[in-house]
């Protein structure tokens, strides 16, 4: 079974930084696509950043230049470095994984973590 556990969320002031981590277990195929998604209360879930099985990243326009997605060499830990945070970034952030290597921001990932809350105050 694939399990994803996020950490690193918290409350920060606008302009601050956070680094989210996602530890994946049961992901035996290194070609999994992985990504970060977020959902604010009353809003739809949206893709923030993904990295496909070839290591190619994709970013939502709203975070481009501020957020960086990365993973370790074993692909068992996914990171999201978030800089220059804005109040609009406030949301529950979810880690996701899918065995389809070509998946990206707008695809329906199969596996999800429980989420970690990010709150940005002005």
PDB file of N, CA and C in Angstrom:
ATOM      1  N   UNK A   1       0.836  -1.185   0.000  1.00  0.00           N
ATOM      2  CA  UNK A   1       0.000   0.000   0.000  1.00  0.00           C
ATOM      3  C   UNK A   1       0.880   1.247   0.000  1.00  0.00           C
ATOM      4  N   UNK A   2       0.520   2.206  -0.824  1.00  0.00           N
ATOM      5  CA  UNK A   2       1.225   3.466  -0.869  1.00  0.00           C
ATOM      6  C   UNK A   2       0.704   4.360   0.243  1.00  0.00           C
ATOM      7  N   UNK A   3       1.611   4.876   1.043  1.00  0.00           N
ATOM      8  CA  UNK A   3       1.254   5.811   2.097  1.00  0.00           C
ATOM      9  C   UNK A   3       2.121   7.060   1.977  1.00  0.00           C
ATOM     10  N   UNK A   4       1.489   8.201   2.162  1.00  0.00           N
ATOM     11  CA  UNK A   4       2.155   9.485   2.058  1.00  0.00           C
ATOM     12  C   UNK A   4       1.895  10.268   3.331  1.00  0.00           C
ATOM     13  N   UNK A   5       2.953  10.789   3.926  1.00  0.00           N
ATOM     14  CA  UNK A   5       2.835  11.537   5.164  1.00  0.00           C
ATOM     15  C   UNK A   5       3.523  12.878   5.002  1.00  0.00           C
ATOM     16  N   UNK A   6       2.735  13.944   5.113  1.00  0.00           N
ATOM     17  CA  UNK A   6       3.257  15.293   4.967  1.00  0.00           C
ATOM     18  C   UNK A   6       3.677  15.868   6.309  1.00  0.00           C
ATOM     19  N   UNK A   7       4.596  16.813   6.258  1.00  0.00           N
ATOM     20  CA  UNK A   7       4.992  17.565   7.433  1.00  0.00           C
ATOM     21  C   UNK A   7       5.563  18.899   6.980  1.00  0.00           C
ATOM     22  N   UNK A   8       5.737  19.797   7.921  1.00  0.00           N
ATOM     23  CA  UNK A   8       6.377  21.064   7.633  1.00  0.00           C
ATOM     24  C   UNK A   8       5.455  22.258   7.554  1.00  0.00           C
ATOM     25  N   UNK A   9       4.156  22.029   7.638  1.00  0.00           N
ATOM     26  CA  UNK A   9       3.229  23.142   7.609  1.00  0.00           C
ATOM     27  C   UNK A   9       3.304  23.955   8.884  1.00  0.00           C
ATOM     28  N   UNK A  10       2.657  25.105   8.858  1.00  0.00           N
ATOM     29  CA  UNK A  10       2.648  25.979  10.011  1.00  0.00           C
ATOM     30  C   UNK A  10       2.111  27.334   9.656  1.00  0.00           C
ATOM     31  N   UNK A  11       2.278  28.263  10.578  1.00  0.00           N
ATOM     32  CA  UNK A  11       1.820  29.632  10.402  1.00  0.00           C
ATOM     33  C   UNK A  11       3.015  30.556  10.245  1.00  0.00           C
ATOM     34  N   UNK A  12       2.985  31.362   9.197  1.00  0.00           N
ATOM     35  CA  UNK A  12       4.060  32.302   8.922  1.00  0.00           C
ATOM     36  C   UNK A  12       3.480  33.628   8.477  1.00  0.00           C
ATOM     37  N   UNK A  13       4.297  34.651   8.562  1.00  0.00           N
ATOM     38  CA  UNK A  13       3.909  35.954   8.060  1.00  0.00           C
ATOM     39  C   UNK A  13       4.158  36.038   6.565  1.00  0.00           C
ATOM     40  N   UNK A  14       3.414  36.910   5.910  1.00  0.00           N
ATOM     41  CA  UNK A  14       3.624  37.140   4.487  1.00  0.00           C
ATOM     42  C   UNK A  14       5.082  37.489   4.221  1.00  0.00           C
ATOM     43  N   UNK A  15       5.607  36.900   3.161  1.00  0.00           N
ATOM     44  CA  UNK A  15       7.004  37.084   2.823  1.00  0.00           C
ATOM     45  C   UNK A  15       7.918  36.029   3.400  1.00  0.00           C
ATOM     46  N   UNK A  16       7.402  35.220   4.294  1.00  0.00           N
ATOM     47  CA  UNK A  16       8.189  34.181   4.919  1.00  0.00           C
ATOM     48  C   UNK A  16       8.293  32.934   4.068  1.00  0.00           C
ATOM     49  N   UNK A  17       8.930  31.923   4.636  1.00  0.00           N
ATOM     50  CA  UNK A  17       9.181  30.683   3.913  1.00  0.00           C
ATOM     51  C   UNK A  17       8.815  29.471   4.758  1.00  0.00           C
ATOM     52  N   UNK A  18       8.466  28.405   4.077  1.00  0.00           N
ATOM     53  CA  UNK A  18       8.242  27.105   4.686  1.00  0.00           C
ATOM     54  C   UNK A  18       8.740  26.043   3.723  1.00  0.00           C
ATOM     55  N   UNK A  19       9.150  24.921   4.271  1.00  0.00           N
ATOM     56  CA  UNK A  19       9.480  23.768   3.449  1.00  0.00           C
ATOM     57  C   UNK A  19       8.630  22.589   3.885  1.00  0.00           C
ATOM     58  N   UNK A  20       7.832  22.093   2.977  1.00  0.00           N
ATOM     59  CA  UNK A  20       7.009  20.933   3.225  1.00  0.00           C
ATOM     60  C   UNK A  20       7.745  19.669   2.801  1.00  0.00           C
ATOM     61  N   UNK A  21       7.515  18.601   3.539  1.00  0.00           N
ATOM     62  CA  UNK A  21       8.102  17.315   3.214  1.00  0.00           C
ATOM     63  C   UNK A  21       7.008  16.269   3.121  1.00  0.00           C
ATOM     64  N   UNK A  22       7.219  15.298   2.271  1.00  0.00           N
ATOM     65  CA  UNK A  22       6.298  14.181   2.114  1.00  0.00           C
ATOM     66  C   UNK A  22       7.113  12.909   2.039  1.00  0.00           C
ATOM     67  N   UNK A  23       6.922  12.042   3.009  1.00  0.00           N
ATOM     68  CA  UNK A  23       7.610  10.757   3.021  1.00  0.00           C
ATOM     69  C   UNK A  23       6.687   9.708   2.434  1.00  0.00           C
ATOM     70  N   UNK A  24       7.158   9.043   1.402  1.00  0.00           N
ATOM     71  CA  UNK A  24       6.373   8.040   0.706  1.00  0.00           C
ATOM     72  C   UNK A  24       6.857   6.644   1.066  1.00  0.00           C
ATOM     73  N   UNK A  25       5.923   5.782   1.372  1.00  0.00           N
ATOM     74  CA  UNK A  25       6.227   4.379   1.591  1.00  0.00           C
ATOM     75  C   UNK A  25       5.384   3.540   0.642  1.00  0.00           C
ATOM     76  N   UNK A  26       5.910   2.409   0.246  1.00  0.00           N
ATOM     77  CA  UNK A  26       5.200   1.550  -0.680  1.00  0.00           C
ATOM     78  C   UNK A  26       5.303   1.966  -2.128  1.00  0.00           C
ATOM     79  N   UNK A  27       6.122   2.968  -2.408  1.00  0.00           N
ATOM     80  CA  UNK A  27       6.352   3.408  -3.775  1.00  0.00           C
ATOM     81  C   UNK A  27       7.614   2.710  -4.264  1.00  0.00           C
ATOM     82  N   UNK A  28       7.424   1.590  -4.915  1.00  0.00           N
ATOM     83  CA  UNK A  28       8.552   0.772  -5.354  1.00  0.00           C
ATOM     84  C   UNK A  28       9.025   1.123  -6.753  1.00  0.00           C
ATOM     85  N   UNK A  29       8.211   1.825  -7.496  1.00  0.00           N
ATOM     86  CA  UNK A  29       8.537   2.216  -8.859  1.00  0.00           C
ATOM     87  C   UNK A  29       9.042   3.645  -8.847  1.00  0.00           C
ATOM     88  N   UNK A  30      10.277   3.834  -9.265  1.00  0.00           N
ATOM     89  CA  UNK A  30      10.876   5.159  -9.263  1.00  0.00           C
ATOM     90  C   UNK A  30      10.305   6.082 -10.324  1.00  0.00           C
ATOM     91  N   UNK A  31       9.447   5.559 -11.170  1.00  0.00           N
ATOM     92  CA  UNK A  31       8.849   6.365 -12.230  1.00  0.00           C
ATOM     93  C   UNK A  31       7.520   7.006 -11.821  1.00  0.00           C
ATOM     94  N   UNK A  32       7.154   6.905 -10.547  1.00  0.00           N
ATOM     95  CA  UNK A  32       5.933   7.557 -10.071  1.00  0.00           C
ATOM     96  C   UNK A  32       6.002   9.056 -10.288  1.00  0.00           C
ATOM     97  N   UNK A  33       4.880   9.617 -10.689  1.00  0.00           N
ATOM     98  CA  UNK A  33       4.706  11.055 -10.626  1.00  0.00           C
ATOM     99  C   UNK A  33       4.305  11.424  -9.205  1.00  0.00           C
ATOM    100  N   UNK A  34       4.752  12.578  -8.750  1.00  0.00           N
ATOM    101  CA  UNK A  34       4.392  13.046  -7.422  1.00  0.00           C
ATOM    102  C   UNK A  34       4.107  14.538  -7.493  1.00  0.00           C
ATOM    103  N   UNK A  35       3.368  15.018  -6.501  1.00  0.00           N
ATOM    104  CA  UNK A  35       3.047  16.427  -6.547  1.00  0.00           C
ATOM    105  C   UNK A  35       2.450  16.959  -5.263  1.00  0.00           C
ATOM    106  N   UNK A  36       2.286  18.264  -5.259  1.00  0.00           N
ATOM    107  CA  UNK A  36       1.656  18.973  -4.167  1.00  0.00           C
ATOM    108  C   UNK A  36       0.400  19.671  -4.671  1.00  0.00           C
ATOM    109  N   UNK A  37      -0.661  19.521  -3.927  1.00  0.00           N
ATOM    110  CA  UNK A  37      -1.934  20.150  -4.220  1.00  0.00           C
ATOM    111  C   UNK A  37      -2.406  20.875  -2.972  1.00  0.00           C
ATOM    112  N   UNK A  38      -3.278  21.834  -3.145  1.00  0.00           N
ATOM    113  CA  UNK A  38      -3.776  22.557  -1.990  1.00  0.00           C
ATOM    114  C   UNK A  38      -5.264  22.828  -2.131  1.00  0.00           C
ATOM    115  N   UNK A  39      -5.903  22.999  -0.989  1.00  0.00           N
ATOM    116  CA  UNK A  39      -7.321  23.287  -0.965  1.00  0.00           C
ATOM    117  C   UNK A  39      -7.625  24.230   0.184  1.00  0.00           C
ATOM    118  N   UNK A  40      -8.185  25.370  -0.153  1.00  0.00           N
ATOM    119  CA  UNK A  40      -8.634  26.331   0.836  1.00  0.00           C
ATOM    120  C   UNK A  40     -10.103  26.072   1.138  1.00  0.00           C
ATOM    121  N   UNK A  41     -10.586  26.468   2.311  1.00  0.00           N
ATOM    122  CA  UNK A  41     -11.990  26.237   2.660  1.00  0.00           C
ATOM    123  C   UNK A  41     -12.937  26.806   1.613  1.00  0.00           C
ATOM    124  N   UNK A  42     -13.881  25.989   1.178  1.00  0.00           N
ATOM    125  CA  UNK A  42     -14.870  26.421   0.217  1.00  0.00           C
ATOM    126  C   UNK A  42     -14.392  26.497  -1.214  1.00  0.00           C
ATOM    127  N   UNK A  43     -13.164  26.093  -1.463  1.00  0.00           N
ATOM    128  CA  UNK A  43     -12.615  26.150  -2.807  1.00  0.00           C
ATOM    129  C   UNK A  43     -12.223  24.764  -3.298  1.00  0.00           C
ATOM    130  N   UNK A  44     -12.074  24.651  -4.594  1.00  0.00           N
ATOM    131  CA  UNK A  44     -11.665  23.395  -5.195  1.00  0.00           C
ATOM    132  C   UNK A  44     -10.185  23.151  -4.965  1.00  0.00           C
ATOM    133  N   UNK A  45      -9.822  21.887  -4.942  1.00  0.00           N
ATOM    134  CA  UNK A  45      -8.423  21.530  -4.858  1.00  0.00           C
ATOM    135  C   UNK A  45      -7.713  21.949  -6.143  1.00  0.00           C
ATOM    136  N   UNK A  46      -6.508  22.464  -6.006  1.00  0.00           N
ATOM    137  CA  UNK A  46      -5.749  22.876  -7.167  1.00  0.00           C
ATOM    138  C   UNK A  46      -4.328  22.337  -7.106  1.00  0.00           C
ATOM    139  N   UNK A  47      -3.784  22.069  -8.270  1.00  0.00           N
ATOM    140  CA  UNK A  47      -2.407  21.635  -8.357  1.00  0.00           C
ATOM    141  C   UNK A  47      -1.463  22.795  -8.115  1.00  0.00           C
ATOM    142  N   UNK A  48      -0.458  22.567  -7.304  1.00  0.00           N
ATOM    143  CA  UNK A  48       0.541  23.577  -6.985  1.00  0.00           C
ATOM    144  C   UNK A  48       1.835  23.318  -7.742  1.00  0.00           C
ATOM    145  N   UNK A  49       2.355  22.126  -7.589  1.00  0.00           N
ATOM    146  CA  UNK A  49       3.589  21.738  -8.248  1.00  0.00           C
ATOM    147  C   UNK A  49       3.633  20.227  -8.349  1.00  0.00           C
ATOM    148  N   UNK A  50       4.082  19.726  -9.477  1.00  0.00           N
ATOM    149  CA  UNK A  50       4.237  18.296  -9.670  1.00  0.00           C
ATOM    150  C   UNK A  50       5.592  18.012 -10.289  1.00  0.00           C
ATOM    151  N   UNK A  51       6.011  16.777 -10.150  1.00  0.00           N
ATOM    152  CA  UNK A  51       7.228  16.318 -10.803  1.00  0.00           C
ATOM    153  C   UNK A  51       6.937  14.935 -11.350  1.00  0.00           C
ATOM    154  N   UNK A  52       7.148  14.754 -12.645  1.00  0.00           N
ATOM    155  CA  UNK A  52       6.779  13.499 -13.258  1.00  0.00           C
ATOM    156  C   UNK A  52       7.889  12.465 -13.105  1.00  0.00           C
ATOM    157  N   UNK A  53       7.635  11.284 -13.655  1.00  0.00           N
ATOM    158  CA  UNK A  53       8.570  10.189 -13.481  1.00  0.00           C
ATOM    159  C   UNK A  53       9.925  10.407 -14.107  1.00  0.00           C
ATOM    160  N   UNK A  54      10.018  11.354 -15.019  1.00  0.00           N
ATOM    161  CA  UNK A  54      11.298  11.706 -15.626  1.00  0.00           C
ATOM    162  C   UNK A  54      11.985  12.855 -14.907  1.00  0.00           C
ATOM    163  N   UNK A  55      11.351  13.357 -13.846  1.00  0.00           N
ATOM    164  CA  UNK A  55      11.932  14.441 -13.091  1.00  0.00           C
ATOM    165  C   UNK A  55      11.574  15.822 -13.586  1.00  0.00           C
ATOM    166  N   UNK A  56      10.625  15.911 -14.499  1.00  0.00           N
ATOM    167  CA  UNK A  56      10.238  17.196 -15.059  1.00  0.00           C
ATOM    168  C   UNK A  56       9.196  17.876 -14.172  1.00  0.00           C
ATOM    169  N   UNK A  57       9.473  19.081 -13.676  1.00  0.00           N
ATOM    170  CA  UNK A  57       8.533  19.769 -12.798  1.00  0.00           C
ATOM    171  C   UNK A  57       7.527  20.628 -13.556  1.00  0.00           C
ATOM    172  N   UNK A  58       6.382  20.814 -12.941  1.00  0.00           N
ATOM    173  CA  UNK A  58       5.371  21.741 -13.421  1.00  0.00           C
ATOM    174  C   UNK A  58       4.882  22.559 -12.246  1.00  0.00           C
ATOM    175  N   UNK A  59       4.564  23.830 -12.498  1.00  0.00           N
ATOM    176  CA  UNK A  59       4.122  24.726 -11.444  1.00  0.00           C
ATOM    177  C   UNK A  59       2.882  25.478 -11.867  1.00  0.00           C
ATOM    178  N   UNK A  60       2.005  25.698 -10.913  1.00  0.00           N
ATOM    179  CA  UNK A  60       0.911  26.615 -11.144  1.00  0.00           C
ATOM    180  C   UNK A  60       1.471  28.015 -11.362  1.00  0.00           C
ATOM    181  N   UNK A  61       0.823  28.771 -12.233  1.00  0.00           N
ATOM    182  CA  UNK A  61       1.298  30.119 -12.513  1.00  0.00           C
ATOM    183  C   UNK A  61       1.399  30.971 -11.250  1.00  0.00           C
ATOM    184  N   UNK A  62       0.506  30.738 -10.315  1.00  0.00           N
ATOM    185  CA  UNK A  62       0.454  31.555  -9.109  1.00  0.00           C
ATOM    186  C   UNK A  62       1.652  31.360  -8.187  1.00  0.00           C
ATOM    187  N   UNK A  63       2.377  30.262  -8.346  1.00  0.00           N
ATOM    188  CA  UNK A  63       3.512  29.992  -7.466  1.00  0.00           C
ATOM    189  C   UNK A  63       4.837  29.976  -8.207  1.00  0.00           C
ATOM    190  N   UNK A  64       4.798  30.119  -9.502  1.00  0.00           N
ATOM    191  CA  UNK A  64       6.012  30.064 -10.308  1.00  0.00           C
ATOM    192  C   UNK A  64       6.993  31.147  -9.865  1.00  0.00           C
ATOM    193  N   UNK A  65       8.225  30.743  -9.660  1.00  0.00           N
ATOM    194  CA  UNK A  65       9.244  31.662  -9.202  1.00  0.00           C
ATOM    195  C   UNK A  65       9.341  31.780  -7.701  1.00  0.00           C
ATOM    196  N   UNK A  66       8.354  31.261  -6.983  1.00  0.00           N
ATOM    197  CA  UNK A  66       8.355  31.312  -5.524  1.00  0.00           C
ATOM    198  C   UNK A  66       8.511  29.939  -4.882  1.00  0.00           C
ATOM    199  N   UNK A  67       7.933  28.934  -5.502  1.00  0.00           N
ATOM    200  CA  UNK A  67       7.958  27.574  -4.962  1.00  0.00           C
ATOM    201  C   UNK A  67       8.877  26.697  -5.797  1.00  0.00           C
ATOM    202  N   UNK A  68       9.499  25.726  -5.150  1.00  0.00           N
ATOM    203  CA  UNK A  68      10.348  24.772  -5.834  1.00  0.00           C
ATOM    204  C   UNK A  68      10.034  23.371  -5.339  1.00  0.00           C
ATOM    205  N   UNK A  69       9.727  22.475  -6.268  1.00  0.00           N
ATOM    206  CA  UNK A  69       9.485  21.086  -5.921  1.00  0.00           C
ATOM    207  C   UNK A  69      10.761  20.291  -6.167  1.00  0.00           C
ATOM    208  N   UNK A  70      11.035  19.348  -5.300  1.00  0.00           N
ATOM    209  CA  UNK A  70      12.216  18.516  -5.445  1.00  0.00           C
ATOM    210  C   UNK A  70      11.988  17.190  -4.748  1.00  0.00           C
ATOM    211  N   UNK A  71      12.862  16.235  -5.014  1.00  0.00           N
ATOM    212  CA  UNK A  71      12.790  14.944  -4.357  1.00  0.00           C
ATOM    213  C   UNK A  71      14.192  14.401  -4.169  1.00  0.00           C
ATOM    214  N   UNK A  72      14.333  13.483  -3.220  1.00  0.00           N
ATOM    215  CA  UNK A  72      15.638  12.905  -2.993  1.00  0.00           C
ATOM    216  C   UNK A  72      15.932  11.865  -4.065  1.00  0.00           C
ATOM    217  N   UNK A  73      17.167  11.368  -4.055  1.00  0.00           N
ATOM    218  CA  UNK A  73      17.592  10.454  -5.113  1.00  0.00           C
ATOM    219  C   UNK A  73      16.810   9.153  -5.129  1.00  0.00           C
ATOM    220  N   UNK A  74      16.384   8.706  -3.973  1.00  0.00           N
ATOM    221  CA  UNK A  74      15.611   7.473  -3.877  1.00  0.00           C
ATOM    222  C   UNK A  74      14.136   7.682  -4.183  1.00  0.00           C
ATOM    223  N   UNK A  75      13.731   8.934  -4.329  1.00  0.00           N
ATOM    224  CA  UNK A  75      12.351   9.308  -4.616  1.00  0.00           C
ATOM    225  C   UNK A  75      11.380   8.857  -3.540  1.00  0.00           C
ATOM    226  N   UNK A  76      11.880   8.753  -2.306  1.00  0.00           N
ATOM    227  CA  UNK A  76      10.993   8.397  -1.213  1.00  0.00           C
ATOM    228  C   UNK A  76      10.598   9.607  -0.370  1.00  0.00           C
ATOM    229  N   UNK A  77      11.146  10.760  -0.690  1.00  0.00           N
ATOM    230  CA  UNK A  77      10.776  11.989  -0.004  1.00  0.00           C
ATOM    231  C   UNK A  77      10.606  13.106  -1.022  1.00  0.00           C
ATOM    232  N   UNK A  78       9.493  13.773  -0.941  1.00  0.00           N
ATOM    233  CA  UNK A  78       9.171  14.889  -1.807  1.00  0.00           C
ATOM    234  C   UNK A  78       9.175  16.168  -0.981  1.00  0.00           C
ATOM    235  N   UNK A  79       9.668  17.250  -1.558  1.00  0.00           N
ATOM    236  CA  UNK A  79       9.753  18.524  -0.856  1.00  0.00           C
ATOM    237  C   UNK A  79       9.058  19.623  -1.651  1.00  0.00           C
ATOM    238  N   UNK A  80       8.595  20.609  -0.938  1.00  0.00           N
ATOM    239  CA  UNK A  80       8.117  21.831  -1.556  1.00  0.00           C
ATOM    240  C   UNK A  80       8.684  22.998  -0.768  1.00  0.00           C
ATOM    241  N   UNK A  81       9.638  23.683  -1.364  1.00  0.00           N
ATOM    242  CA  UNK A  81      10.190  24.886  -0.768  1.00  0.00           C
ATOM    243  C   UNK A  81       9.318  26.056  -1.181  1.00  0.00           C
ATOM    244  N   UNK A  82       8.752  26.736  -0.211  1.00  0.00           N
ATOM    245  CA  UNK A  82       7.841  27.835  -0.458  1.00  0.00           C
ATOM    246  C   UNK A  82       8.455  29.118   0.077  1.00  0.00           C
ATOM    247  N   UNK A  83       8.758  30.032  -0.817  1.00  0.00           N
ATOM    248  CA  UNK A  83       9.325  31.320  -0.458  1.00  0.00           C
ATOM    249  C   UNK A  83       8.359  32.436  -0.819  1.00  0.00           C
ATOM    250  N   UNK A  84       8.590  33.593  -0.250  1.00  0.00           N
ATOM    251  CA  UNK A  84       7.767  34.775  -0.523  1.00  0.00           C
ATOM    252  C   UNK A  84       6.288  34.455  -0.399  1.00  0.00           C
ATOM    253  N   UNK A  85       5.936  33.820   0.691  1.00  0.00           N
ATOM    254  CA  UNK A  85       4.562  33.373   0.886  1.00  0.00           C
ATOM    255  C   UNK A  85       3.594  34.543   0.973  1.00  0.00           C
ATOM    256  N   UNK A  86       2.413  34.303   0.441  1.00  0.00           N
ATOM    257  CA  UNK A  86       1.346  35.290   0.417  1.00  0.00           C
ATOM    258  C   UNK A  86       0.135  34.745   1.158  1.00  0.00           C
ATOM    259  N   UNK A  87      -0.726  35.620   1.678  1.00  0.00           N
ATOM    260  CA  UNK A  87      -1.950  35.134   2.325  1.00  0.00           C
ATOM    261  C   UNK A  87      -2.774  34.218   1.424  1.00  0.00           C
ATOM    262  N   UNK A  88      -2.736  34.442   0.125  1.00  0.00           N
ATOM    263  CA  UNK A  88      -3.468  33.611  -0.820  1.00  0.00           C
ATOM    264  C   UNK A  88      -2.952  32.178  -0.875  1.00  0.00           C
ATOM    265  N   UNK A  89      -1.773  31.931  -0.318  1.00  0.00           N
ATOM    266  CA  UNK A  89      -1.229  30.581  -0.262  1.00  0.00           C
ATOM    267  C   UNK A  89      -1.805  29.767   0.884  1.00  0.00           C
ATOM    268  N   UNK A  90      -2.568  30.395   1.754  1.00  0.00           N
ATOM    269  CA  UNK A  90      -3.156  29.700   2.887  1.00  0.00           C
ATOM    270  C   UNK A  90      -4.083  28.591   2.408  1.00  0.00           C
ATOM    271  N   UNK A  91      -3.816  27.377   2.847  1.00  0.00           N
ATOM    272  CA  UNK A  91      -4.594  26.212   2.423  1.00  0.00           C
ATOM    273  C   UNK A  91      -4.077  24.979   3.136  1.00  0.00           C
ATOM    274  N   UNK A  92      -4.828  23.902   3.004  1.00  0.00           N
ATOM    275  CA  UNK A  92      -4.317  22.597   3.366  1.00  0.00           C
ATOM    276  C   UNK A  92      -3.542  22.071   2.164  1.00  0.00           C
ATOM    277  N   UNK A  93      -2.322  21.664   2.400  1.00  0.00           N
ATOM    278  CA  UNK A  93      -1.464  21.171   1.334  1.00  0.00           C
ATOM    279  C   UNK A  93      -1.366  19.658   1.406  1.00  0.00           C
ATOM    280  N   UNK A  94      -1.588  19.014   0.270  1.00  0.00           N
ATOM    281  CA  UNK A  94      -1.594  17.571   0.180  1.00  0.00           C
ATOM    282  C   UNK A  94      -0.496  17.075  -0.748  1.00  0.00           C
ATOM    283  N   UNK A  95       0.128  16.008  -0.343  1.00  0.00           N
ATOM    284  CA  UNK A  95       1.071  15.299  -1.187  1.00  0.00           C
ATOM    285  C   UNK A  95       0.323  14.214  -1.951  1.00  0.00           C
ATOM    286  N   UNK A  96       0.685  14.009  -3.198  1.00  0.00           N
ATOM    287  CA  UNK A  96       0.030  13.006  -4.022  1.00  0.00           C
ATOM    288  C   UNK A  96       1.045  12.240  -4.845  1.00  0.00           C
ATOM    289  N   UNK A  97       0.676  11.018  -5.199  1.00  0.00           N
ATOM    290  CA  UNK A  97       1.533  10.174  -6.022  1.00  0.00           C
ATOM    291  C   UNK A  97       0.676   9.353  -6.964  1.00  0.00           C
ATOM    292  N   UNK A  98       1.261   8.993  -8.082  1.00  0.00           N
ATOM    293  CA  UNK A  98       0.567   8.176  -9.070  1.00  0.00           C
ATOM    294  C   UNK A  98       1.582   7.400  -9.883  1.00  0.00           C
ATOM    295  N   UNK A  99       1.292   6.131 -10.188  1.00  0.00           N
ATOM    296  CA  UNK A  99       2.261   5.332 -10.950  1.00  0.00           C
ATOM    297  C   UNK A  99       2.407   5.754 -12.406  1.00  0.00           C
ATOM    298  N   UNK A 100       1.493   6.555 -12.895  1.00  0.00           N
ATOM    299  CA  UNK A 100       1.584   7.019 -14.276  1.00  0.00           C
ATOM    300  C   UNK A 100       2.614   8.132 -14.376  1.00  0.00           C
ATOM    301  N   UNK A 101       3.708   7.862 -15.017  1.00  0.00           N
ATOM    302  CA  UNK A 101       4.883   8.722 -14.974  1.00  0.00           C
ATOM    303  C   UNK A 101       4.670  10.084 -15.596  1.00  0.00           C
ATOM    304  N   UNK A 102       3.691  10.180 -16.476  1.00  0.00           N
ATOM    305  CA  UNK A 102       3.472  11.413 -17.227  1.00  0.00           C
ATOM    306  C   UNK A 102       2.525  12.392 -16.557  1.00  0.00           C
ATOM    307  N   UNK A 103       2.020  12.048 -15.384  1.00  0.00           N
ATOM    308  CA  UNK A 103       1.035  12.886 -14.713  1.00  0.00           C
ATOM    309  C   UNK A 103       1.591  14.249 -14.354  1.00  0.00           C
ATOM    310  N   UNK A 104       0.681  15.233 -14.308  1.00  0.00           N
ATOM    311  CA  UNK A 104       1.054  16.607 -14.036  1.00  0.00           C
ATOM    312  C   UNK A 104      -0.052  17.310 -13.253  1.00  0.00           C
ATOM    313  N   UNK A 105      -0.077  18.616 -13.294  1.00  0.00           N
ATOM    314  CA  UNK A 105      -0.907  19.444 -12.422  1.00  0.00           C
ATOM    315  C   UNK A 105      -2.398  19.155 -12.478  1.00  0.00           C
ATOM    316  N   UNK A 106      -2.898  18.833 -13.640  1.00  0.00           N
ATOM    317  CA  UNK A 106      -4.340  18.723 -13.829  1.00  0.00           C
ATOM    318  C   UNK A 106      -4.839  17.289 -13.918  1.00  0.00           C
ATOM    319  N   UNK A 107      -4.027  16.359 -13.510  1.00  0.00           N
ATOM    320  CA  UNK A 107      -4.398  14.953 -13.547  1.00  0.00           C
ATOM    321  C   UNK A 107      -4.898  14.480 -12.191  1.00  0.00           C
ATOM    322  N   UNK A 108      -5.639  13.384 -12.204  1.00  0.00           N
ATOM    323  CA  UNK A 108      -6.246  12.841 -10.995  1.00  0.00           C
ATOM    324  C   UNK A 108      -5.342  11.780 -10.381  1.00  0.00           C
ATOM    325  N   UNK A 109      -4.515  12.214  -9.457  1.00  0.00           N
ATOM    326  CA  UNK A 109      -3.581  11.312  -8.799  1.00  0.00           C
ATOM    327  C   UNK A 109      -4.316  10.287  -7.938  1.00  0.00           C
ATOM    328  N   UNK A 110      -3.752   9.104  -7.848  1.00  0.00           N
ATOM    329  CA  UNK A 110      -4.399   8.005  -7.140  1.00  0.00           C
ATOM    330  C   UNK A 110      -4.199   8.013  -5.630  1.00  0.00           C
ATOM    331  N   UNK A 111      -3.028   8.425  -5.180  1.00  0.00           N
ATOM    332  CA  UNK A 111      -2.675   8.298  -3.767  1.00  0.00           C
ATOM    333  C   UNK A 111      -2.467   9.657  -3.143  1.00  0.00           C
ATOM    334  N   UNK A 112      -2.982   9.801  -1.918  1.00  0.00           N
ATOM    335  CA  UNK A 112      -2.979  11.091  -1.237  1.00  0.00           C
ATOM    336  C   UNK A 112      -2.583  10.962   0.219  1.00  0.00           C
ATOM    337  N   UNK A 113      -1.883  11.979   0.701  1.00  0.00           N
ATOM    338  CA  UNK A 113      -1.617  12.078   2.118  1.00  0.00           C
ATOM    339  C   UNK A 113      -2.762  12.765   2.835  1.00  0.00           C
ATOM    340  N   UNK A 114      -2.611  12.929   4.139  1.00  0.00           N
ATOM    341  CA  UNK A 114      -3.658  13.530   4.960  1.00  0.00           C
ATOM    342  C   UNK A 114      -3.628  15.048   4.955  1.00  0.00           C
ATOM    343  N   UNK A 115      -2.537  15.630   4.524  1.00  0.00           N
ATOM    344  CA  UNK A 115      -2.445  17.069   4.417  1.00  0.00           C
ATOM    345  C   UNK A 115      -1.710  17.718   5.571  1.00  0.00           C
ATOM    346  N   UNK A 116      -1.176  18.892   5.306  1.00  0.00           N
ATOM    347  CA  UNK A 116      -0.552  19.715   6.324  1.00  0.00           C
ATOM    348  C   UNK A 116      -0.979  21.157   6.093  1.00  0.00           C
ATOM    349  N   UNK A 117      -1.359  21.823   7.158  1.00  0.00           N
ATOM    350  CA  UNK A 117      -1.940  23.157   7.053  1.00  0.00           C
ATOM    351  C   UNK A 117      -0.857  24.216   6.922  1.00  0.00           C
ATOM    352  N   UNK A 118      -1.053  25.116   5.971  1.00  0.00           N
ATOM    353  CA  UNK A 118      -0.196  26.283   5.804  1.00  0.00           C
ATOM    354  C   UNK A 118      -1.065  27.523   5.950  1.00  0.00           C
ATOM    355  N   UNK A 119      -0.687  28.380   6.868  1.00  0.00           N
ATOM    356  CA  UNK A 119      -1.417  29.617   7.100  1.00  0.00           C
ATOM    357  C   UNK A 119      -0.454  30.784   6.991  1.00  0.00           C
ATOM    358  N   UNK A 120      -0.786  31.733   6.131  1.00  0.00           N
ATOM    359  CA  UNK A 120       0.061  32.897   5.896  1.00  0.00           C
ATOM    360  C   UNK A 120      -0.723  34.144   6.277  1.00  0.00           C
ATOM    361  N   UNK A 121      -0.207  34.890   7.219  1.00  0.00           N
ATOM    362  CA  UNK A 121      -0.870  36.098   7.686  1.00  0.00           C
ATOM    363  C   UNK A 121      -0.193  37.326   7.107  1.00  0.00           C
ATOM    364  N   UNK A 122      -0.970  38.377   6.919  1.00  0.00           N
ATOM    365  CA  UNK A 122      -0.439  39.627   6.399  1.00  0.00           C
ATOM    366  C   UNK A 122      -0.011  40.554   7.517  1.00  0.00           C
TER     367      UNK A 122
END
